Every structure is written in C-alpha cells, then in structure tokens.
Amino acid sequence: MKKLCIPVLAVVMMACGQRGKEARHDSTETREEMTRTEEKEGSFLERMAAFDLKQIRLGEVAVQRATDDRVKKFGSDMIKQHTASTLLLQDIAHKEGVNLVPELSRNDQDEVGLLNEKNKDDFDRAYIRRMVHEQKMMIERLNKDTNDKDTAIRSYVQKTLPVLDASMTEANKILEDMRKQMNNRNISHD
C-alpha cells in the first residue's frame, strides 16, 4: 500500500504544481497585458500632449510674427484648441493614474526655433505649410486609434479628429489663397 501511495501522491503533487504554474503564468500574462496597455496609454497620452504643446508653441510664434491677419488668427485658434485638448488629455491621465508632463522633443524645439527665425516675408507661408503637414500627420495617426480598446482614448480621438480636420481644411484654404496672391503678383509684374 505504501508503494502505491507514494507514486499517486507524487502524481497529485505534480498536477497541483502544474496548476500553480498555469495560474502564475496566467497572472503573469495578465500583468504583462496590463503593463502593455498602461505603456500604450502613457505613450499615446504623452505623444498627444507633446503634439499639443508643439502646436501651442508654434501658434504663439504665429501670433507674434505673422503679418497676415488670417495666419495670426489661425495661430491663436491653435493655441486655444490645443490647450483644450491638453486639458482633456490631463483628465484622462489623472483618471488612469498617469502623471502627464508634456515636453517638446529636441527636434520639436529646433523646429519652433527655425520657424521663429524665418524672415517676415517667408514666415506666414512657412507656418501655414507646417500646419497643413502637422494636422495631416496627426489625423492619420489618430485614425489608427479610432477603435482603441480604452474608451477614454477612443472618446478623445472621436472628439479630436473633427477639430484637426477643420484646422487642416482652414490651413489649406489660407495656403491656397496665398498661392493665388503670389500668382497674381507674378502675373501683374510681367
């Protein structure tokens, strides 16, 4: 009987040990999944906050340096829109327990600096071209996040996309008007 009990006991212990490993493996996978989700949320929030900060800084430069009233207004609108967006992001971050401190990357700082150094004749067009590019790039990125599992992020994207689309449309209109004005000047000089 003792001989039979020892192998049975060993099999039962191995089975229990295996179940424990599976449970530990499942909880490890769950923890890893949660960490990936937190990292994704953090990186999304950080990426969007950095984008907002860049748009605010570029808008500030436009308000100070633009000669065209439409460009000044556009810069002012960018400051308002991206400040509001940052507040939404900070609310999401607070609810997710993420500390959100937006920072400009070195490249973004350089870009703001270069735009600020443009001469007054080139500034308006350079700023608006930059805005068309920036808005288009972010719209493409956000379209990838429209089906995000996180409802707060998905809601943010759904609120933000129409605003960015309207901004891109306005920037395109201003840029097109600038092109027409340049063409008219060139024709009148001939």
C-alpha atoms as a PDB file:
ATOM      1  CA  MET A   1       0.000   0.000   0.000  1.00  0.00           C
ATOM      2  CA  LYS A   2       2.821   2.377   0.874  1.00  0.00           C
ATOM      3  CA  LYS A   3       4.408   1.712  -2.516  1.00  0.00           C
ATOM      4  CA  LEU A   4       1.158   2.649  -4.293  1.00  0.00           C
ATOM      5  CA  CYS A   5       0.536   5.772  -2.186  1.00  0.00           C
ATOM      6  CA  ILE A   6       3.914   7.366  -2.877  1.00  0.00           C
ATOM      7  CA  PRO A   7       3.574   7.363  -6.720  1.00  0.00           C
ATOM      8  CA  VAL A   8      -0.053   8.513  -6.521  1.00  0.00           C
ATOM      9  CA  LEU A   9       0.913  11.255  -4.104  1.00  0.00           C
ATOM     10  CA  ALA A  10       3.765  12.305  -6.452  1.00  0.00           C
ATOM     11  CA  VAL A  11       1.367  12.482  -9.427  1.00  0.00           C
ATOM     12  CA  VAL A  12      -1.154  14.524  -7.412  1.00  0.00           C
ATOM     13  CA  MET A  13       1.581  16.898  -6.233  1.00  0.00           C
ATOM     14  CA  MET A  14       2.903  17.326  -9.774  1.00  0.00           C
ATOM     15  CA  ALA A  15      -0.600  18.046 -11.027  1.00  0.00           C
ATOM     16  CA  CYS A  16      -1.137  20.646  -8.309  1.00  0.00           C
ATOM     17  CA  GLY A  17       2.261  22.148  -9.044  1.00  0.00           C
ATOM     18  CA  GLN A  18       1.406  22.311 -12.756  1.00  0.00           C
ATOM     19  CA  ARG A  19      -1.900  24.072 -12.000  1.00  0.00           C
ATOM     20  CA  GLY A  20       0.014  26.542  -9.842  1.00  0.00           C
ATOM     21  CA  LYS A  21       2.392  27.218 -12.721  1.00  0.00           C
ATOM     22  CA  GLU A  22      -0.540  27.788 -15.089  1.00  0.00           C
ATOM     23  CA  ALA A  23      -2.151  30.168 -12.605  1.00  0.00           C
ATOM     24  CA  ARG A  24       1.152  32.001 -12.131  1.00  0.00           C
ATOM     25  CA  HIS A  25       1.621  32.051 -15.931  1.00  0.00           C
ATOM     26  CA  ASP A  26      -1.931  33.421 -16.400  1.00  0.00           C
ATOM     27  CA  SER A  27      -1.419  36.119 -13.792  1.00  0.00           C
ATOM     28  CA  THR A  28       1.956  36.988 -15.349  1.00  0.00           C
ATOM     29  CA  GLU A  29       0.314  37.291 -18.773  1.00  0.00           C
ATOM     30  CA  THR A  30      -2.436  39.467 -17.274  1.00  0.00           C
ATOM     31  CA  ARG A  31       0.150  41.676 -15.579  1.00  0.00           C
ATOM     32  CA  GLU A  32       2.160  41.927 -18.820  1.00  0.00           C
ATOM     33  CA  GLU A  33      -1.015  42.760 -20.751  1.00  0.00           C
ATOM     34  CA  MET A  34      -1.915  45.449 -18.221  1.00  0.00           C
ATOM     35  CA  THR A  35       1.622  46.863 -18.404  1.00  0.00           C
ATOM     36  CA  ARG A  36       1.466  46.977 -22.221  1.00  0.00           C
ATOM     37  CA  THR A  37      -1.910  48.738 -22.019  1.00  0.00           C
ATOM     38  CA  GLU A  38      -0.561  51.233 -19.474  1.00  0.00           C
ATOM     39  CA  GLU A  39       2.527  51.823 -21.643  1.00  0.00           C
ATOM     40  CA  LYS A  40       0.344  52.286 -24.721  1.00  0.00           C
ATOM     41  CA  GLU A  41      -1.948  54.703 -22.865  1.00  0.00           C
ATOM     42  CA  GLY A  42       1.053  56.510 -21.461  1.00  0.00           C
ATOM     43  CA  SER A  43       2.757  56.739 -24.817  1.00  0.00           C
ATOM     44  CA  PHE A  44      -0.480  57.825 -26.521  1.00  0.00           C
ATOM     45  CA  LEU A  45      -1.122  60.474 -23.892  1.00  0.00           C
ATOM     46  CA  GLU A  46       2.496  61.620 -23.953  1.00  0.00           C
ATOM     47  CA  ARG A  47       2.568  61.709 -27.769  1.00  0.00           C
ATOM     48  CA  MET A  48      -0.638  63.723 -27.956  1.00  0.00           C
ATOM     49  CA  ALA A  49       0.417  66.082 -25.154  1.00  0.00           C
ATOM     50  CA  ALA A  50       3.743  66.696 -26.932  1.00  0.00           C
ATOM     51  CA  PHE A  51       1.859  67.358 -30.190  1.00  0.00           C
ATOM     52  CA  ASP A  52      -0.435  69.798 -28.392  1.00  0.00           C
ATOM     53  CA  LEU A  53       2.494  71.586 -26.773  1.00  0.00           C
ATOM     54  CA  LYS A  54       4.239  71.904 -30.127  1.00  0.00           C
ATOM     55  CA  GLN A  55       1.083  73.329 -31.724  1.00  0.00           C
ATOM     56  CA  ILE A  56       0.723  75.803 -28.850  1.00  0.00           C
ATOM     57  CA  ARG A  57       4.352  76.943 -29.188  1.00  0.00           C
ATOM     58  CA  LEU A  58       4.060  77.282 -32.977  1.00  0.00           C
ATOM     59  CA  GLY A  59       0.772  79.153 -32.522  1.00  0.00           C
ATOM     60  CA  GLU A  60       2.445  81.551 -30.107  1.00  0.00           C
ATOM     61  CA  VAL A  61       5.165  82.259 -32.667  1.00  0.00           C
ATOM     62  CA  ALA A  62       2.478  82.833 -35.340  1.00  0.00           C
ATOM     63  CA  VAL A  63       0.567  85.263 -33.133  1.00  0.00           C
ATOM     64  CA  GLN A  64       3.775  87.236 -32.548  1.00  0.00           C
ATOM     65  CA  ARG A  65       5.312  87.101 -36.015  1.00  0.00           C
ATOM     66  CA  ALA A  66       2.603  86.655 -38.657  1.00  0.00           C
ATOM     67  CA  THR A  67       1.846  89.602 -40.927  1.00  0.00           C
ATOM     68  CA  ASP A  68      -1.350  88.128 -42.378  1.00  0.00           C
ATOM     69  CA  ASP A  69      -4.349  88.531 -40.050  1.00  0.00           C
ATOM     70  CA  ARG A  70      -5.720  85.112 -41.035  1.00  0.00           C
ATOM     71  CA  VAL A  71      -2.435  83.479 -40.072  1.00  0.00           C
ATOM     72  CA  LYS A  72      -2.420  85.313 -36.718  1.00  0.00           C
ATOM     73  CA  LYS A  73      -5.985  84.162 -36.077  1.00  0.00           C
ATOM     74  CA  PHE A  74      -5.095  80.617 -37.091  1.00  0.00           C
ATOM     75  CA  GLY A  75      -2.177  80.658 -34.631  1.00  0.00           C
ATOM     76  CA  SER A  76      -4.479  81.954 -31.911  1.00  0.00           C
ATOM     77  CA  ASP A  77      -7.014  79.230 -32.734  1.00  0.00           C
ATOM     78  CA  MET A  78      -4.265  76.597 -32.488  1.00  0.00           C
ATOM     79  CA  ILE A  79      -3.356  77.833 -29.017  1.00  0.00           C
ATOM     80  CA  LYS A  80      -6.992  77.593 -27.868  1.00  0.00           C
ATOM     81  CA  GLN A  81      -7.705  74.222 -29.497  1.00  0.00           C
ATOM     82  CA  HIS A  82      -4.562  72.526 -28.269  1.00  0.00           C
ATOM     83  CA  THR A  83      -4.859  73.973 -24.784  1.00  0.00           C
ATOM     84  CA  ALA A  84      -8.369  72.470 -24.614  1.00  0.00           C
ATOM     85  CA  SER A  85      -7.008  69.176 -25.972  1.00  0.00           C
ATOM     86  CA  THR A  86      -4.271  69.157 -23.336  1.00  0.00           C
ATOM     87  CA  LEU A  87      -6.873  69.616 -20.608  1.00  0.00           C
ATOM     88  CA  LEU A  88      -8.782  66.580 -21.936  1.00  0.00           C
ATOM     89  CA  LEU A  89      -5.564  64.556 -22.006  1.00  0.00           C
ATOM     90  CA  GLN A  90      -4.699  65.581 -18.454  1.00  0.00           C
ATOM     91  CA  ASP A  91      -8.162  64.495 -17.310  1.00  0.00           C
ATOM     92  CA  ILE A  92      -7.691  61.084 -18.947  1.00  0.00           C
ATOM     93  CA  ALA A  93      -4.198  60.783 -17.466  1.00  0.00           C
ATOM     94  CA  HIS A  94      -5.466  61.688 -13.995  1.00  0.00           C
ATOM     95  CA  LYS A  95      -8.197  59.035 -14.206  1.00  0.00           C
ATOM     96  CA  GLU A  96      -5.649  56.466 -15.438  1.00  0.00           C
ATOM     97  CA  GLY A  97      -3.182  57.379 -12.697  1.00  0.00           C
ATOM     98  CA  VAL A  98      -0.619  58.652 -15.210  1.00  0.00           C
ATOM     99  CA  ASN A  99       1.423  61.769 -14.480  1.00  0.00           C
ATOM    100  CA  LEU A 100       1.346  63.771 -17.707  1.00  0.00           C
ATOM    101  CA  VAL A 101       4.030  66.416 -18.116  1.00  0.00           C
ATOM    102  CA  PRO A 102       4.259  67.403 -21.786  1.00  0.00           C
ATOM    103  CA  GLU A 103       7.690  68.227 -23.128  1.00  0.00           C
ATOM    104  CA  LEU A 104       8.984  69.297 -26.519  1.00  0.00           C
ATOM    105  CA  SER A 105      11.477  66.914 -28.048  1.00  0.00           C
ATOM    106  CA  ARG A 106      14.779  68.357 -29.220  1.00  0.00           C
ATOM    107  CA  ASN A 107      13.534  68.124 -32.831  1.00  0.00           C
ATOM    108  CA  ASP A 108      10.335  69.989 -31.957  1.00  0.00           C
ATOM    109  CA  GLN A 109      12.313  72.674 -30.146  1.00  0.00           C
ATOM    110  CA  ASP A 110      14.537  73.053 -33.206  1.00  0.00           C
ATOM    111  CA  GLU A 111      11.511  73.243 -35.477  1.00  0.00           C
ATOM    112  CA  VAL A 112       9.920  76.003 -33.392  1.00  0.00           C
ATOM    113  CA  GLY A 113      13.249  77.828 -33.324  1.00  0.00           C
ATOM    114  CA  LEU A 114      13.743  77.572 -37.090  1.00  0.00           C
ATOM    115  CA  LEU A 115      10.259  78.849 -37.776  1.00  0.00           C
ATOM    116  CA  ASN A 116      10.818  81.723 -35.378  1.00  0.00           C
ATOM    117  CA  GLU A 117      13.958  82.669 -37.339  1.00  0.00           C
ATOM    118  CA  LYS A 118      12.156  82.946 -40.702  1.00  0.00           C
ATOM    119  CA  ASN A 119      12.127  86.415 -42.181  1.00  0.00           C
ATOM    120  CA  LYS A 120       8.787  88.189 -42.109  1.00  0.00           C
ATOM    121  CA  ASP A 121       8.187  87.713 -45.841  1.00  0.00           C
ATOM    122  CA  ASP A 122       8.536  83.929 -45.583  1.00  0.00           C
ATOM    123  CA  PHE A 123       7.058  83.335 -42.141  1.00  0.00           C
ATOM    124  CA  ASP A 124       3.308  83.199 -42.909  1.00  0.00           C
ATOM    125  CA  ARG A 125       3.635  80.718 -45.742  1.00  0.00           C
ATOM    126  CA  ALA A 126       6.148  78.552 -43.850  1.00  0.00           C
ATOM    127  CA  TYR A 127       3.902  78.424 -40.778  1.00  0.00           C
ATOM    128  CA  ILE A 128       0.759  77.526 -42.715  1.00  0.00           C
ATOM    129  CA  ARG A 129       2.573  74.871 -44.753  1.00  0.00           C
ATOM    130  CA  ARG A 130       3.856  73.413 -41.481  1.00  0.00           C
ATOM    131  CA  MET A 131       0.333  73.400 -40.052  1.00  0.00           C
ATOM    132  CA  VAL A 132      -1.091  71.576 -43.079  1.00  0.00           C
ATOM    133  CA  HIS A 133       1.615  68.946 -42.700  1.00  0.00           C
ATOM    134  CA  GLU A 134       1.217  68.653 -38.897  1.00  0.00           C
ATOM    135  CA  GLN A 135      -2.574  68.365 -38.990  1.00  0.00           C
ATOM    136  CA  LYS A 136      -2.481  65.784 -41.797  1.00  0.00           C
ATOM    137  CA  MET A 137       0.140  63.699 -39.991  1.00  0.00           C
ATOM    138  CA  MET A 138      -1.816  63.681 -36.719  1.00  0.00           C
ATOM    139  CA  ILE A 139      -5.129  62.901 -38.435  1.00  0.00           C
ATOM    140  CA  GLU A 140      -3.502  59.840 -39.999  1.00  0.00           C
ATOM    141  CA  ARG A 141      -2.126  58.756 -36.612  1.00  0.00           C
ATOM    142  CA  LEU A 142      -5.419  59.284 -34.796  1.00  0.00           C
ATOM    143  CA  ASN A 143      -7.374  57.375 -37.438  1.00  0.00           C
ATOM    144  CA  LYS A 144      -5.381  54.327 -36.334  1.00  0.00           C
ATOM    145  CA  ASP A 145      -6.626  54.868 -32.758  1.00  0.00           C
ATOM    146  CA  THR A 146     -10.352  55.234 -33.523  1.00  0.00           C
ATOM    147  CA  ASN A 147     -11.029  51.662 -32.415  1.00  0.00           C
ATOM    148  CA  ASP A 148      -8.825  51.698 -29.328  1.00  0.00           C
ATOM    149  CA  LYS A 149      -9.998  49.397 -26.546  1.00  0.00           C
ATOM    150  CA  ASP A 150      -9.653  52.179 -23.977  1.00  0.00           C
ATOM    151  CA  THR A 151     -12.942  54.092 -24.071  1.00  0.00           C
ATOM    152  CA  ALA A 152     -11.356  57.315 -22.788  1.00  0.00           C
ATOM    153  CA  ILE A 153      -8.781  57.308 -25.576  1.00  0.00           C
ATOM    154  CA  ARG A 154     -11.381  56.352 -28.169  1.00  0.00           C
ATOM    155  CA  SER A 155     -13.627  59.185 -26.964  1.00  0.00           C
ATOM    156  CA  TYR A 156     -10.716  61.640 -27.087  1.00  0.00           C
ATOM    157  CA  VAL A 157      -9.910  60.569 -30.653  1.00  0.00           C
ATOM    158  CA  GLN A 158     -13.537  60.923 -31.733  1.00  0.00           C
ATOM    159  CA  LYS A 159     -13.662  64.457 -30.275  1.00  0.00           C
ATOM    160  CA  THR A 160     -10.277  65.483 -31.633  1.00  0.00           C
ATOM    161  CA  LEU A 161     -10.426  64.218 -35.230  1.00  0.00           C
ATOM    162  CA  PRO A 162     -13.142  66.661 -36.418  1.00  0.00           C
ATOM    163  CA  VAL A 163     -11.263  69.585 -34.837  1.00  0.00           C
ATOM    164  CA  LEU A 164      -7.997  68.600 -36.550  1.00  0.00           C
ATOM    165  CA  ASP A 165      -9.821  68.056 -39.831  1.00  0.00           C
ATOM    166  CA  ALA A 166     -11.380  71.530 -39.643  1.00  0.00           C
ATOM    167  CA  SER A 167      -7.971  73.035 -38.812  1.00  0.00           C
ATOM    168  CA  MET A 168      -6.359  71.285 -41.760  1.00  0.00           C
ATOM    169  CA  THR A 169      -9.145  72.497 -44.060  1.00  0.00           C
ATOM    170  CA  GLU A 170      -8.693  76.087 -42.845  1.00  0.00           C
ATOM    171  CA  ALA A 171      -4.906  75.896 -43.181  1.00  0.00           C
ATOM    172  CA  ASN A 172      -5.308  74.546 -46.725  1.00  0.00           C
ATOM    173  CA  LYS A 173      -7.654  77.436 -47.590  1.00  0.00           C
ATOM    174  CA  ILE A 174      -5.186  80.010 -46.274  1.00  0.00           C
ATOM    175  CA  LEU A 175      -2.311  78.342 -48.136  1.00  0.00           C
ATOM    176  CA  GLU A 176      -4.313  78.227 -51.368  1.00  0.00           C
ATOM    177  CA  ASP A 177      -5.195  81.920 -51.028  1.00  0.00           C
ATOM    178  CA  MET A 178      -1.504  82.702 -50.510  1.00  0.00           C
ATOM    179  CA  ARG A 179      -0.641  80.792 -53.689  1.00  0.00           C
ATOM    180  CA  LYS A 180      -3.272  82.701 -55.635  1.00  0.00           C
ATOM    181  CA  GLN A 181      -1.941  86.020 -54.323  1.00  0.00           C
ATOM    182  CA  MET A 182       1.601  85.063 -55.328  1.00  0.00           C
ATOM    183  CA  ASN A 183       0.421  84.031 -58.795  1.00  0.00           C
ATOM    184  CA  ASN A 184      -1.472  87.313 -59.194  1.00  0.00           C
ATOM    185  CA  ARG A 185       1.643  89.286 -58.185  1.00  0.00           C
ATOM    186  CA  ASN A 186       3.764  87.353 -60.676  1.00  0.00           C
ATOM    187  CA  ILE A 187       1.244  87.941 -63.482  1.00  0.00           C
ATOM    188  CA  SER A 188       0.984  91.676 -62.726  1.00  0.00           C
ATOM    189  CA  HIS A 189       4.784  92.033 -62.813  1.00  0.00           C
ATOM    190  CA  ASP A 190       5.028  90.530 -66.333  1.00  0.00           C
END
